[in-house]
Amino acid sequence: MINAALSGRRWDYGVLVPWISYDPLAPQVVVPVASPVYRYTHPMMVSEKVGEIQRALKNAGFDPNGIDNIYGGDTARAVEAFQEEKGVVSDGEVGPVTAALLGISLK
């Protein structure tokens, strides 16, 4: 498992190399998440924090098509437009960088 950052975004991935033998009983390495990342998932994320993100987007002039506490496609598109205007990675995810630009805390 490799944990790294690129453009302030967390990237986690693992690779199994075919010619190497792996011990199936070896302990797994679990890397703690530094802070939550809100994004469009299935099932969709539903929380009061998502509502806070939606309100911050709307106040910044990026309407997520209502404030319903659901991180759906409209919220993701509003986040992408906000990120594009701010000049950060436009991935539709709200992590520490985007949250700071929105003036909210993810904790």
PDB file of N, CA and C in Angstrom:
ATOM      1  N   MET A   1       0.848  -1.170   0.000  1.00  0.00           N
ATOM      2  CA  MET A   1       0.000   0.000   0.000  1.00  0.00           C
ATOM      3  C   MET A   1       0.895   1.235   0.000  1.00  0.00           C
ATOM      4  N   ILE A   2       0.581   2.160  -0.854  1.00  0.00           N
ATOM      5  CA  ILE A   2       1.331   3.403  -0.915  1.00  0.00           C
ATOM      6  C   ILE A   2       0.380   4.540  -0.587  1.00  0.00           C
ATOM      7  N   ASN A   3       0.807   5.420   0.286  1.00  0.00           N
ATOM      8  CA  ASN A   3       0.018   6.582   0.655  1.00  0.00           C
ATOM      9  C   ASN A   3       0.837   7.796   0.288  1.00  0.00           C
ATOM     10  N   ALA A   4       0.278   8.661  -0.547  1.00  0.00           N
ATOM     11  CA  ALA A   4       1.007   9.850  -0.974  1.00  0.00           C
ATOM     12  C   ALA A   4       0.032  10.987  -1.186  1.00  0.00           C
ATOM     13  N   ALA A   5       0.570  12.144  -1.504  1.00  0.00           N
ATOM     14  CA  ALA A   5      -0.271  13.302  -1.791  1.00  0.00           C
ATOM     15  C   ALA A   5       0.199  13.936  -3.086  1.00  0.00           C
ATOM     16  N   LEU A   6      -0.753  14.433  -3.854  1.00  0.00           N
ATOM     17  CA  LEU A   6      -0.479  15.129  -5.099  1.00  0.00           C
ATOM     18  C   LEU A   6      -1.450  16.282  -5.171  1.00  0.00           C
ATOM     19  N   SER A   7      -0.951  17.477  -5.350  1.00  0.00           N
ATOM     20  CA  SER A   7      -1.787  18.682  -5.380  1.00  0.00           C
ATOM     21  C   SER A   7      -2.644  18.785  -4.126  1.00  0.00           C
ATOM     22  N   GLY A   8      -2.097  18.368  -2.999  1.00  0.00           N
ATOM     23  CA  GLY A   8      -2.815  18.455  -1.745  1.00  0.00           C
ATOM     24  C   GLY A   8      -3.927  17.436  -1.579  1.00  0.00           C
ATOM     25  N   ARG A   9      -4.028  16.466  -2.499  1.00  0.00           N
ATOM     26  CA  ARG A   9      -5.063  15.440  -2.437  1.00  0.00           C
ATOM     27  C   ARG A   9      -4.436  14.128  -1.999  1.00  0.00           C
ATOM     28  N   ARG A  10      -5.168  13.345  -1.249  1.00  0.00           N
ATOM     29  CA  ARG A  10      -4.704  12.042  -0.765  1.00  0.00           C
ATOM     30  C   ARG A  10      -4.868  11.002  -1.877  1.00  0.00           C
ATOM     31  N   TRP A  11      -3.836  10.204  -2.082  1.00  0.00           N
ATOM     32  CA  TRP A  11      -3.881   9.113  -3.064  1.00  0.00           C
ATOM     33  C   TRP A  11      -3.428   7.835  -2.372  1.00  0.00           C
ATOM     34  N   ASP A  12      -4.262   6.816  -2.369  1.00  0.00           N
ATOM     35  CA  ASP A  12      -3.922   5.520  -1.795  1.00  0.00           C
ATOM     36  C   ASP A  12      -4.069   4.461  -2.878  1.00  0.00           C
ATOM     37  N   TYR A  13      -3.104   3.590  -2.989  1.00  0.00           N
ATOM     38  CA  TYR A  13      -3.227   2.502  -3.943  1.00  0.00           C
ATOM     39  C   TYR A  13      -2.263   1.380  -3.583  1.00  0.00           C
ATOM     40  N   GLY A  14      -2.550   0.220  -4.082  1.00  0.00           N
ATOM     41  CA  GLY A  14      -1.698  -0.934  -3.859  1.00  0.00           C
ATOM     42  C   GLY A  14      -1.513  -1.691  -5.169  1.00  0.00           C
ATOM     43  N   VAL A  15      -0.392  -2.362  -5.296  1.00  0.00           N
ATOM     44  CA  VAL A  15      -0.090  -3.106  -6.512  1.00  0.00           C
ATOM     45  C   VAL A  15       0.422  -4.487  -6.123  1.00  0.00           C
ATOM     46  N   LEU A  16      -0.134  -5.524  -6.732  1.00  0.00           N
ATOM     47  CA  LEU A  16       0.389  -6.879  -6.555  1.00  0.00           C
ATOM     48  C   LEU A  16       1.203  -7.229  -7.797  1.00  0.00           C
ATOM     49  N   VAL A  17       2.454  -7.588  -7.568  1.00  0.00           N
ATOM     50  CA  VAL A  17       3.341  -7.947  -8.668  1.00  0.00           C
ATOM     51  C   VAL A  17       3.240  -9.457  -8.869  1.00  0.00           C
ATOM     52  N   PRO A  18       2.948  -9.917 -10.094  1.00  0.00           N
ATOM     53  CA  PRO A  18       2.657 -11.335 -10.338  1.00  0.00           C
ATOM     54  C   PRO A  18       3.765 -12.312  -9.925  1.00  0.00           C
ATOM     55  N   TRP A  19       5.033 -11.968 -10.050  1.00  0.00           N
ATOM     56  CA  TRP A  19       6.101 -12.926  -9.779  1.00  0.00           C
ATOM     57  C   TRP A  19       6.586 -12.913  -8.328  1.00  0.00           C
ATOM     58  N   ILE A  20       5.917 -12.176  -7.469  1.00  0.00           N
ATOM     59  CA  ILE A  20       6.291 -12.134  -6.058  1.00  0.00           C
ATOM     60  C   ILE A  20       5.271 -12.930  -5.251  1.00  0.00           C
ATOM     61  N   SER A  21       5.764 -13.744  -4.313  1.00  0.00           N
ATOM     62  CA  SER A  21       4.875 -14.514  -3.432  1.00  0.00           C
ATOM     63  C   SER A  21       4.490 -13.646  -2.243  1.00  0.00           C
ATOM     64  N   TYR A  22       3.205 -13.646  -1.949  1.00  0.00           N
ATOM     65  CA  TYR A  22       2.696 -12.846  -0.833  1.00  0.00           C
ATOM     66  C   TYR A  22       2.167 -13.776   0.244  1.00  0.00           C
ATOM     67  N   ASP A  23       2.445 -13.444   1.484  1.00  0.00           N
ATOM     68  CA  ASP A  23       1.972 -14.226   2.609  1.00  0.00           C
ATOM     69  C   ASP A  23       0.545 -13.776   2.937  1.00  0.00           C
ATOM     70  N   PRO A  24      -0.455 -14.640   2.709  1.00  0.00           N
ATOM     71  CA  PRO A  24      -1.840 -14.232   2.965  1.00  0.00           C
ATOM     72  C   PRO A  24      -2.126 -13.987   4.448  1.00  0.00           C
ATOM     73  N   LEU A  25      -1.244 -14.462   5.336  1.00  0.00           N
ATOM     74  CA  LEU A  25      -1.453 -14.261   6.769  1.00  0.00           C
ATOM     75  C   LEU A  25      -0.684 -13.055   7.307  1.00  0.00           C
ATOM     76  N   ALA A  26       0.047 -12.367   6.441  1.00  0.00           N
ATOM     77  CA  ALA A  26       0.807 -11.197   6.884  1.00  0.00           C
ATOM     78  C   ALA A  26      -0.149 -10.112   7.358  1.00  0.00           C
ATOM     79  N   PRO A  27       0.244  -9.368   8.371  1.00  0.00           N
ATOM     80  CA  PRO A  27      -0.643  -8.306   8.865  1.00  0.00           C
ATOM     81  C   PRO A  27      -0.852  -7.218   7.814  1.00  0.00           C
ATOM     82  N   GLN A  28      -2.048  -6.693   7.782  1.00  0.00           N
ATOM     83  CA  GLN A  28      -2.359  -5.618   6.843  1.00  0.00           C
ATOM     84  C   GLN A  28      -1.974  -4.291   7.464  1.00  0.00           C
ATOM     85  N   VAL A  29      -1.471  -3.401   6.630  1.00  0.00           N
ATOM     86  CA  VAL A  29      -1.118  -2.063   7.084  1.00  0.00           C
ATOM     87  C   VAL A  29      -2.318  -1.161   6.823  1.00  0.00           C
ATOM     88  N   VAL A  30      -2.799  -0.534   7.876  1.00  0.00           N
ATOM     89  CA  VAL A  30      -3.934   0.376   7.745  1.00  0.00           C
ATOM     90  C   VAL A  30      -3.428   1.786   7.985  1.00  0.00           C
ATOM     91  N   VAL A  31      -3.630   2.634   6.994  1.00  0.00           N
ATOM     92  CA  VAL A  31      -3.178   4.015   7.090  1.00  0.00           C
ATOM     93  C   VAL A  31      -4.363   4.868   7.527  1.00  0.00           C
ATOM     94  N   PRO A  32      -4.250   5.559   8.655  1.00  0.00           N
ATOM     95  CA  PRO A  32      -5.371   6.375   9.111  1.00  0.00           C
ATOM     96  C   PRO A  32      -5.619   7.548   8.162  1.00  0.00           C
ATOM     97  N   VAL A  33      -6.875   7.892   8.003  1.00  0.00           N
ATOM     98  CA  VAL A  33      -7.265   9.004   7.149  1.00  0.00           C
ATOM     99  C   VAL A  33      -7.069  10.292   7.944  1.00  0.00           C
ATOM    100  N   ALA A  34      -6.364  11.248   7.343  1.00  0.00           N
ATOM    101  CA  ALA A  34      -6.065  12.498   8.032  1.00  0.00           C
ATOM    102  C   ALA A  34      -7.336  13.315   8.278  1.00  0.00           C
ATOM    103  N   SER A  35      -8.199  13.398   7.304  1.00  0.00           N
ATOM    104  CA  SER A  35      -9.469  14.097   7.466  1.00  0.00           C
ATOM    105  C   SER A  35     -10.455  13.501   6.465  1.00  0.00           C
ATOM    106  N   PRO A  36     -11.743  13.629   6.743  1.00  0.00           N
ATOM    107  CA  PRO A  36     -12.721  13.058   5.817  1.00  0.00           C
ATOM    108  C   PRO A  36     -12.727  13.796   4.481  1.00  0.00           C
ATOM    109  N   VAL A  37     -13.135  13.094   3.456  1.00  0.00           N
ATOM    110  CA  VAL A  37     -13.316  13.685   2.131  1.00  0.00           C
ATOM    111  C   VAL A  37     -14.753  13.414   1.727  1.00  0.00           C
ATOM    112  N   TYR A  38     -15.462  14.464   1.377  1.00  0.00           N
ATOM    113  CA  TYR A  38     -16.861  14.328   0.954  1.00  0.00           C
ATOM    114  C   TYR A  38     -16.897  14.322  -0.565  1.00  0.00           C
ATOM    115  N   ARG A  39     -17.628  13.332  -1.118  1.00  0.00           N
ATOM    116  CA  ARG A  39     -17.677  13.177  -2.577  1.00  0.00           C
ATOM    117  C   ARG A  39     -18.933  12.426  -2.975  1.00  0.00           C
ATOM    118  N   TYR A  40     -19.173  12.404  -4.281  1.00  0.00           N
ATOM    119  CA  TYR A  40     -20.315  11.701  -4.845  1.00  0.00           C
ATOM    120  C   TYR A  40     -20.017  10.205  -4.836  1.00  0.00           C
ATOM    121  N   THR A  41     -20.803   9.432  -4.097  1.00  0.00           N
ATOM    122  CA  THR A  41     -20.600   7.992  -3.975  1.00  0.00           C
ATOM    123  C   THR A  41     -21.935   7.282  -4.163  1.00  0.00           C
ATOM    124  N   HIS A  42     -21.882   5.977  -4.227  1.00  0.00           N
ATOM    125  CA  HIS A  42     -23.106   5.174  -4.270  1.00  0.00           C
ATOM    126  C   HIS A  42     -23.008   4.139  -3.165  1.00  0.00           C
ATOM    127  N   PRO A  43     -23.860   4.137  -2.155  1.00  0.00           N
ATOM    128  CA  PRO A  43     -24.941   5.107  -1.971  1.00  0.00           C
ATOM    129  C   PRO A  43     -24.378   6.486  -1.643  1.00  0.00           C
ATOM    130  N   MET A  44     -25.206   7.500  -1.878  1.00  0.00           N
ATOM    131  CA  MET A  44     -24.771   8.880  -1.685  1.00  0.00           C
ATOM    132  C   MET A  44     -24.528   9.194  -0.209  1.00  0.00           C
ATOM    133  N   MET A  45     -23.566  10.080   0.039  1.00  0.00           N
ATOM    134  CA  MET A  45     -23.278  10.538   1.388  1.00  0.00           C
ATOM    135  C   MET A  45     -24.425  11.433   1.850  1.00  0.00           C
ATOM    136  N   VAL A  46     -24.895  11.191   3.052  1.00  0.00           N
ATOM    137  CA  VAL A  46     -25.982  11.987   3.626  1.00  0.00           C
ATOM    138  C   VAL A  46     -25.573  12.381   5.039  1.00  0.00           C
ATOM    139  N   SER A  47     -25.463  13.683   5.288  1.00  0.00           N
ATOM    140  CA  SER A  47     -25.105  14.150   6.627  1.00  0.00           C
ATOM    141  C   SER A  47     -25.352  15.650   6.737  1.00  0.00           C
ATOM    142  N   GLU A  48     -25.359  16.124   7.972  1.00  0.00           N
ATOM    143  CA  GLU A  48     -25.487  17.561   8.201  1.00  0.00           C
ATOM    144  C   GLU A  48     -24.274  18.305   7.660  1.00  0.00           C
ATOM    145  N   LYS A  49     -23.108  17.660   7.665  1.00  0.00           N
ATOM    146  CA  LYS A  49     -21.900  18.287   7.130  1.00  0.00           C
ATOM    147  C   LYS A  49     -22.060  18.549   5.632  1.00  0.00           C
ATOM    148  N   VAL A  50     -22.726  17.630   4.924  1.00  0.00           N
ATOM    149  CA  VAL A  50     -22.989  17.848   3.500  1.00  0.00           C
ATOM    150  C   VAL A  50     -23.882  19.082   3.336  1.00  0.00           C
ATOM    151  N   GLY A  51     -24.866  19.235   4.201  1.00  0.00           N
ATOM    152  CA  GLY A  51     -25.717  20.426   4.169  1.00  0.00           C
ATOM    153  C   GLY A  51     -24.906  21.689   4.395  1.00  0.00           C
ATOM    154  N   GLU A  52     -23.933  21.627   5.301  1.00  0.00           N
ATOM    155  CA  GLU A  52     -23.061  22.774   5.545  1.00  0.00           C
ATOM    156  C   GLU A  52     -22.241  23.100   4.299  1.00  0.00           C
ATOM    157  N   ILE A  53     -21.755  22.060   3.618  1.00  0.00           N
ATOM    158  CA  ILE A  53     -21.020  22.253   2.364  1.00  0.00           C
ATOM    159  C   ILE A  53     -21.934  22.906   1.337  1.00  0.00           C
ATOM    160  N   GLN A  54     -23.166  22.415   1.225  1.00  0.00           N
ATOM    161  CA  GLN A  54     -24.116  22.974   0.259  1.00  0.00           C
ATOM    162  C   GLN A  54     -24.413  24.446   0.562  1.00  0.00           C
ATOM    163  N   ARG A  55     -24.598  24.793   1.828  1.00  0.00           N
ATOM    164  CA  ARG A  55     -24.856  26.193   2.197  1.00  0.00           C
ATOM    165  C   ARG A  55     -23.659  27.072   1.842  1.00  0.00           C
ATOM    166  N   ALA A  56     -22.448  26.585   2.127  1.00  0.00           N
ATOM    167  CA  ALA A  56     -21.242  27.356   1.807  1.00  0.00           C
ATOM    168  C   ALA A  56     -21.109  27.555   0.303  1.00  0.00           C
ATOM    169  N   LEU A  57     -21.432  26.526  -0.473  1.00  0.00           N
ATOM    170  CA  LEU A  57     -21.400  26.647  -1.932  1.00  0.00           C
ATOM    171  C   LEU A  57     -22.399  27.692  -2.405  1.00  0.00           C
ATOM    172  N   LYS A  58     -23.607  27.616  -1.884  1.00  0.00           N
ATOM    173  CA  LYS A  58     -24.656  28.559  -2.288  1.00  0.00           C
ATOM    174  C   LYS A  58     -24.256  29.985  -1.923  1.00  0.00           C
ATOM    175  N   ASN A  59     -23.703  30.174  -0.718  1.00  0.00           N
ATOM    176  CA  ASN A  59     -23.256  31.502  -0.296  1.00  0.00           C
ATOM    177  C   ASN A  59     -22.125  32.034  -1.169  1.00  0.00           C
ATOM    178  N   ALA A  60     -21.339  31.121  -1.758  1.00  0.00           N
ATOM    179  CA  ALA A  60     -20.235  31.515  -2.636  1.00  0.00           C
ATOM    180  C   ALA A  60     -20.697  31.724  -4.079  1.00  0.00           C
ATOM    181  N   GLY A  61     -21.999  31.505  -4.331  1.00  0.00           N
ATOM    182  CA  GLY A  61     -22.536  31.721  -5.675  1.00  0.00           C
ATOM    183  C   GLY A  61     -22.584  30.479  -6.539  1.00  0.00           C
ATOM    184  N   PHE A  62     -22.482  29.299  -5.930  1.00  0.00           N
ATOM    185  CA  PHE A  62     -22.511  28.036  -6.670  1.00  0.00           C
ATOM    186  C   PHE A  62     -23.653  27.187  -6.123  1.00  0.00           C
ATOM    187  N   ASP A  63     -24.813  27.295  -6.741  1.00  0.00           N
ATOM    188  CA  ASP A  63     -26.025  26.656  -6.230  1.00  0.00           C
ATOM    189  C   ASP A  63     -25.980  25.144  -6.468  1.00  0.00           C
ATOM    190  N   PRO A  64     -26.026  24.344  -5.392  1.00  0.00           N
ATOM    191  CA  PRO A  64     -26.055  22.887  -5.531  1.00  0.00           C
ATOM    192  C   PRO A  64     -27.465  22.353  -5.784  1.00  0.00           C
ATOM    193  N   ASN A  65     -28.361  23.237  -6.201  1.00  0.00           N
ATOM    194  CA  ASN A  65     -29.754  22.874  -6.494  1.00  0.00           C
ATOM    195  C   ASN A  65     -30.498  22.443  -5.231  1.00  0.00           C
ATOM    196  N   GLY A  66     -30.348  23.237  -4.204  1.00  0.00           N
ATOM    197  CA  GLY A  66     -31.051  22.977  -2.949  1.00  0.00           C
ATOM    198  C   GLY A  66     -30.113  22.480  -1.873  1.00  0.00           C
ATOM    199  N   ILE A  67     -30.587  22.582  -0.642  1.00  0.00           N
ATOM    200  CA  ILE A  67     -29.814  22.115   0.507  1.00  0.00           C
ATOM    201  C   ILE A  67     -30.601  20.970   1.133  1.00  0.00           C
ATOM    202  N   ASP A  68     -30.167  19.748   0.813  1.00  0.00           N
ATOM    203  CA  ASP A  68     -30.897  18.559   1.248  1.00  0.00           C
ATOM    204  C   ASP A  68     -30.038  17.582   2.046  1.00  0.00           C
ATOM    205  N   ASN A  69     -28.788  17.975   2.346  1.00  0.00           N
ATOM    206  CA  ASN A  69     -27.850  17.127   3.098  1.00  0.00           C
ATOM    207  C   ASN A  69     -27.417  15.872   2.345  1.00  0.00           C
ATOM    208  N   ILE A  70     -27.647  15.836   1.026  1.00  0.00           N
ATOM    209  CA  ILE A  70     -27.275  14.678   0.198  1.00  0.00           C
ATOM    210  C   ILE A  70     -26.210  15.111  -0.809  1.00  0.00           C
ATOM    211  N   TYR A  71     -25.078  14.421  -0.811  1.00  0.00           N
ATOM    212  CA  TYR A  71     -23.996  14.745  -1.747  1.00  0.00           C
ATOM    213  C   TYR A  71     -24.258  14.015  -3.058  1.00  0.00           C
ATOM    214  N   GLY A  72     -25.090  14.626  -3.885  1.00  0.00           N
ATOM    215  CA  GLY A  72     -25.453  14.044  -5.171  1.00  0.00           C
ATOM    216  C   GLY A  72     -24.722  14.723  -6.315  1.00  0.00           C
ATOM    217  N   GLY A  73     -25.184  14.449  -7.518  1.00  0.00           N
ATOM    218  CA  GLY A  73     -24.555  14.985  -8.718  1.00  0.00           C
ATOM    219  C   GLY A  73     -24.558  16.498  -8.781  1.00  0.00           C
ATOM    220  N   ASP A  74     -25.653  17.137  -8.349  1.00  0.00           N
ATOM    221  CA  ASP A  74     -25.714  18.600  -8.382  1.00  0.00           C
ATOM    222  C   ASP A  74     -24.688  19.218  -7.441  1.00  0.00           C
ATOM    223  N   THR A  75     -24.523  18.632  -6.279  1.00  0.00           N
ATOM    224  CA  THR A  75     -23.531  19.138  -5.324  1.00  0.00           C
ATOM    225  C   THR A  75     -22.122  18.942  -5.886  1.00  0.00           C
ATOM    226  N   ALA A  76     -21.864  17.782  -6.464  1.00  0.00           N
ATOM    227  CA  ALA A  76     -20.542  17.516  -7.046  1.00  0.00           C
ATOM    228  C   ALA A  76     -20.232  18.509  -8.165  1.00  0.00           C
ATOM    229  N   ARG A  77     -21.220  18.805  -9.009  1.00  0.00           N
ATOM    230  CA  ARG A  77     -20.995  19.768 -10.092  1.00  0.00           C
ATOM    231  C   ARG A  77     -20.745  21.173  -9.543  1.00  0.00           C
ATOM    232  N   ALA A  78     -21.462  21.540  -8.480  1.00  0.00           N
ATOM    233  CA  ALA A  78     -21.240  22.854  -7.866  1.00  0.00           C
ATOM    234  C   ALA A  78     -19.840  22.922  -7.265  1.00  0.00           C
ATOM    235  N   VAL A  79     -19.400  21.841  -6.637  1.00  0.00           N
ATOM    236  CA  VAL A  79     -18.046  21.798  -6.069  1.00  0.00           C
ATOM    237  C   VAL A  79     -17.011  21.925  -7.180  1.00  0.00           C
ATOM    238  N   GLU A  80     -17.209  21.203  -8.285  1.00  0.00           N
ATOM    239  CA  GLU A  80     -16.261  21.276  -9.408  1.00  0.00           C
ATOM    240  C   GLU A  80     -16.155  22.699  -9.947  1.00  0.00           C
ATOM    241  N   ALA A  81     -17.300  23.367 -10.126  1.00  0.00           N
ATOM    242  CA  ALA A  81     -17.296  24.742 -10.634  1.00  0.00           C
ATOM    243  C   ALA A  81     -16.586  25.676  -9.653  1.00  0.00           C
ATOM    244  N   PHE A  82     -16.853  25.502  -8.360  1.00  0.00           N
ATOM    245  CA  PHE A  82     -16.191  26.302  -7.324  1.00  0.00           C
ATOM    246  C   PHE A  82     -14.681  26.083  -7.376  1.00  0.00           C
ATOM    247  N   GLN A  83     -14.260  24.818  -7.437  1.00  0.00           N
ATOM    248  CA  GLN A  83     -12.833  24.502  -7.463  1.00  0.00           C
ATOM    249  C   GLN A  83     -12.168  25.089  -8.708  1.00  0.00           C
ATOM    250  N   GLU A  84     -12.842  24.994  -9.840  1.00  0.00           N
ATOM    251  CA  GLU A  84     -12.281  25.530 -11.076  1.00  0.00           C
ATOM    252  C   GLU A  84     -12.056  27.036 -10.949  1.00  0.00           C
ATOM    253  N   GLU A  85     -13.042  27.738 -10.386  1.00  0.00           N
ATOM    254  CA  GLU A  85     -12.899  29.188 -10.224  1.00  0.00           C
ATOM    255  C   GLU A  85     -11.756  29.534  -9.279  1.00  0.00           C
ATOM    256  N   LYS A  86     -11.559  28.710  -8.245  1.00  0.00           N
ATOM    257  CA  LYS A  86     -10.511  28.975  -7.252  1.00  0.00           C
ATOM    258  C   LYS A  86      -9.135  28.506  -7.708  1.00  0.00           C
ATOM    259  N   GLY A  87      -9.057  27.768  -8.821  1.00  0.00           N
ATOM    260  CA  GLY A  87      -7.771  27.332  -9.349  1.00  0.00           C
ATOM    261  C   GLY A  87      -7.163  26.143  -8.641  1.00  0.00           C
ATOM    262  N   VAL A  88      -8.011  25.307  -8.030  1.00  0.00           N
ATOM    263  CA  VAL A  88      -7.506  24.084  -7.395  1.00  0.00           C
ATOM    264  C   VAL A  88      -7.973  22.884  -8.221  1.00  0.00           C
ATOM    265  N   VAL A  89      -7.500  21.701  -7.868  1.00  0.00           N
ATOM    266  CA  VAL A  89      -7.881  20.489  -8.592  1.00  0.00           C
ATOM    267  C   VAL A  89      -9.403  20.375  -8.591  1.00  0.00           C
ATOM    268  N   SER A  90      -9.979  20.327  -9.781  1.00  0.00           N
ATOM    269  CA  SER A  90     -11.438  20.292  -9.932  1.00  0.00           C
ATOM    270  C   SER A  90     -11.903  18.842 -10.028  1.00  0.00           C
ATOM    271  N   ASP A  91     -12.055  18.205  -8.848  1.00  0.00           N
ATOM    272  CA  ASP A  91     -12.425  16.794  -8.823  1.00  0.00           C
ATOM    273  C   ASP A  91     -13.800  16.550  -8.204  1.00  0.00           C
ATOM    274  N   GLY A  92     -14.462  17.612  -7.759  1.00  0.00           N
ATOM    275  CA  GLY A  92     -15.799  17.457  -7.176  1.00  0.00           C
ATOM    276  C   GLY A  92     -15.796  16.903  -5.766  1.00  0.00           C
ATOM    277  N   GLU A  93     -14.633  16.804  -5.154  1.00  0.00           N
ATOM    278  CA  GLU A  93     -14.518  16.290  -3.792  1.00  0.00           C
ATOM    279  C   GLU A  93     -14.177  17.424  -2.832  1.00  0.00           C
ATOM    280  N   VAL A  94     -14.753  17.361  -1.638  1.00  0.00           N
ATOM    281  CA  VAL A  94     -14.455  18.367  -0.624  1.00  0.00           C
ATOM    282  C   VAL A  94     -13.556  17.742   0.431  1.00  0.00           C
ATOM    283  N   GLY A  95     -12.279  18.085   0.329  1.00  0.00           N
ATOM    284  CA  GLY A  95     -11.284  17.685   1.316  1.00  0.00           C
ATOM    285  C   GLY A  95     -10.821  18.939   2.032  1.00  0.00           C
ATOM    286  N   PRO A  96      -9.680  18.876   2.710  1.00  0.00           N
ATOM    287  CA  PRO A  96      -9.205  20.019   3.495  1.00  0.00           C
ATOM    288  C   PRO A  96      -9.006  21.305   2.692  1.00  0.00           C
ATOM    289  N   VAL A  97      -8.474  21.200   1.474  1.00  0.00           N
ATOM    290  CA  VAL A  97      -8.201  22.395   0.677  1.00  0.00           C
ATOM    291  C   VAL A  97      -9.497  23.092   0.270  1.00  0.00           C
ATOM    292  N   THR A  98     -10.423  22.338  -0.292  1.00  0.00           N
ATOM    293  CA  THR A  98     -11.691  22.921  -0.735  1.00  0.00           C
ATOM    294  C   THR A  98     -12.497  23.422   0.455  1.00  0.00           C
ATOM    295  N   ALA A  99     -12.494  22.675   1.548  1.00  0.00           N
ATOM    296  CA  ALA A  99     -13.214  23.112   2.746  1.00  0.00           C
ATOM    297  C   ALA A  99     -12.670  24.454   3.237  1.00  0.00           C
ATOM    298  N   ALA A 100     -11.347  24.599   3.249  1.00  0.00           N
ATOM    299  CA  ALA A 100     -10.757  25.861   3.700  1.00  0.00           C
ATOM    300  C   ALA A 100     -11.190  27.008   2.789  1.00  0.00           C
ATOM    301  N   LEU A 101     -11.208  26.763   1.478  1.00  0.00           N
ATOM    302  CA  LEU A 101     -11.644  27.799   0.548  1.00  0.00           C
ATOM    303  C   LEU A 101     -13.111  28.153   0.741  1.00  0.00           C
ATOM    304  N   LEU A 102     -13.909  27.173   1.149  1.00  0.00           N
ATOM    305  CA  LEU A 102     -15.332  27.418   1.436  1.00  0.00           C
ATOM    306  C   LEU A 102     -15.540  28.054   2.811  1.00  0.00           C
ATOM    307  N   GLY A 103     -14.494  28.062   3.621  1.00  0.00           N
ATOM    308  CA  GLY A 103     -14.584  28.643   4.953  1.00  0.00           C
ATOM    309  C   GLY A 103     -15.272  27.747   5.966  1.00  0.00           C
ATOM    310  N   ILE A 104     -15.156  26.411   5.760  1.00  0.00           N
ATOM    311  CA  ILE A 104     -15.763  25.463   6.689  1.00  0.00           C
ATOM    312  C   ILE A 104     -14.713  24.484   7.195  1.00  0.00           C
ATOM    313  N   SER A 105     -15.040  23.809   8.283  1.00  0.00           N
ATOM    314  CA  SER A 105     -14.189  22.770   8.852  1.00  0.00           C
ATOM    315  C   SER A 105     -14.834  21.417   8.579  1.00  0.00           C
ATOM    316  N   LEU A 106     -14.031  20.415   8.287  1.00  0.00           N
ATOM    317  CA  LEU A 106     -14.572  19.072   8.039  1.00  0.00           C
ATOM    318  C   LEU A 106     -14.677  18.250   9.305  1.00  0.00           C
ATOM    319  N   LYS A 107     -14.238  18.769  10.432  1.00  0.00           N
ATOM    320  CA  LYS A 107     -14.285  18.002  11.688  1.00  0.00           C
ATOM    321  C   LYS A 107     -15.545  18.235  12.442  1.00  0.00           C
TER     322      LYS A 107
END
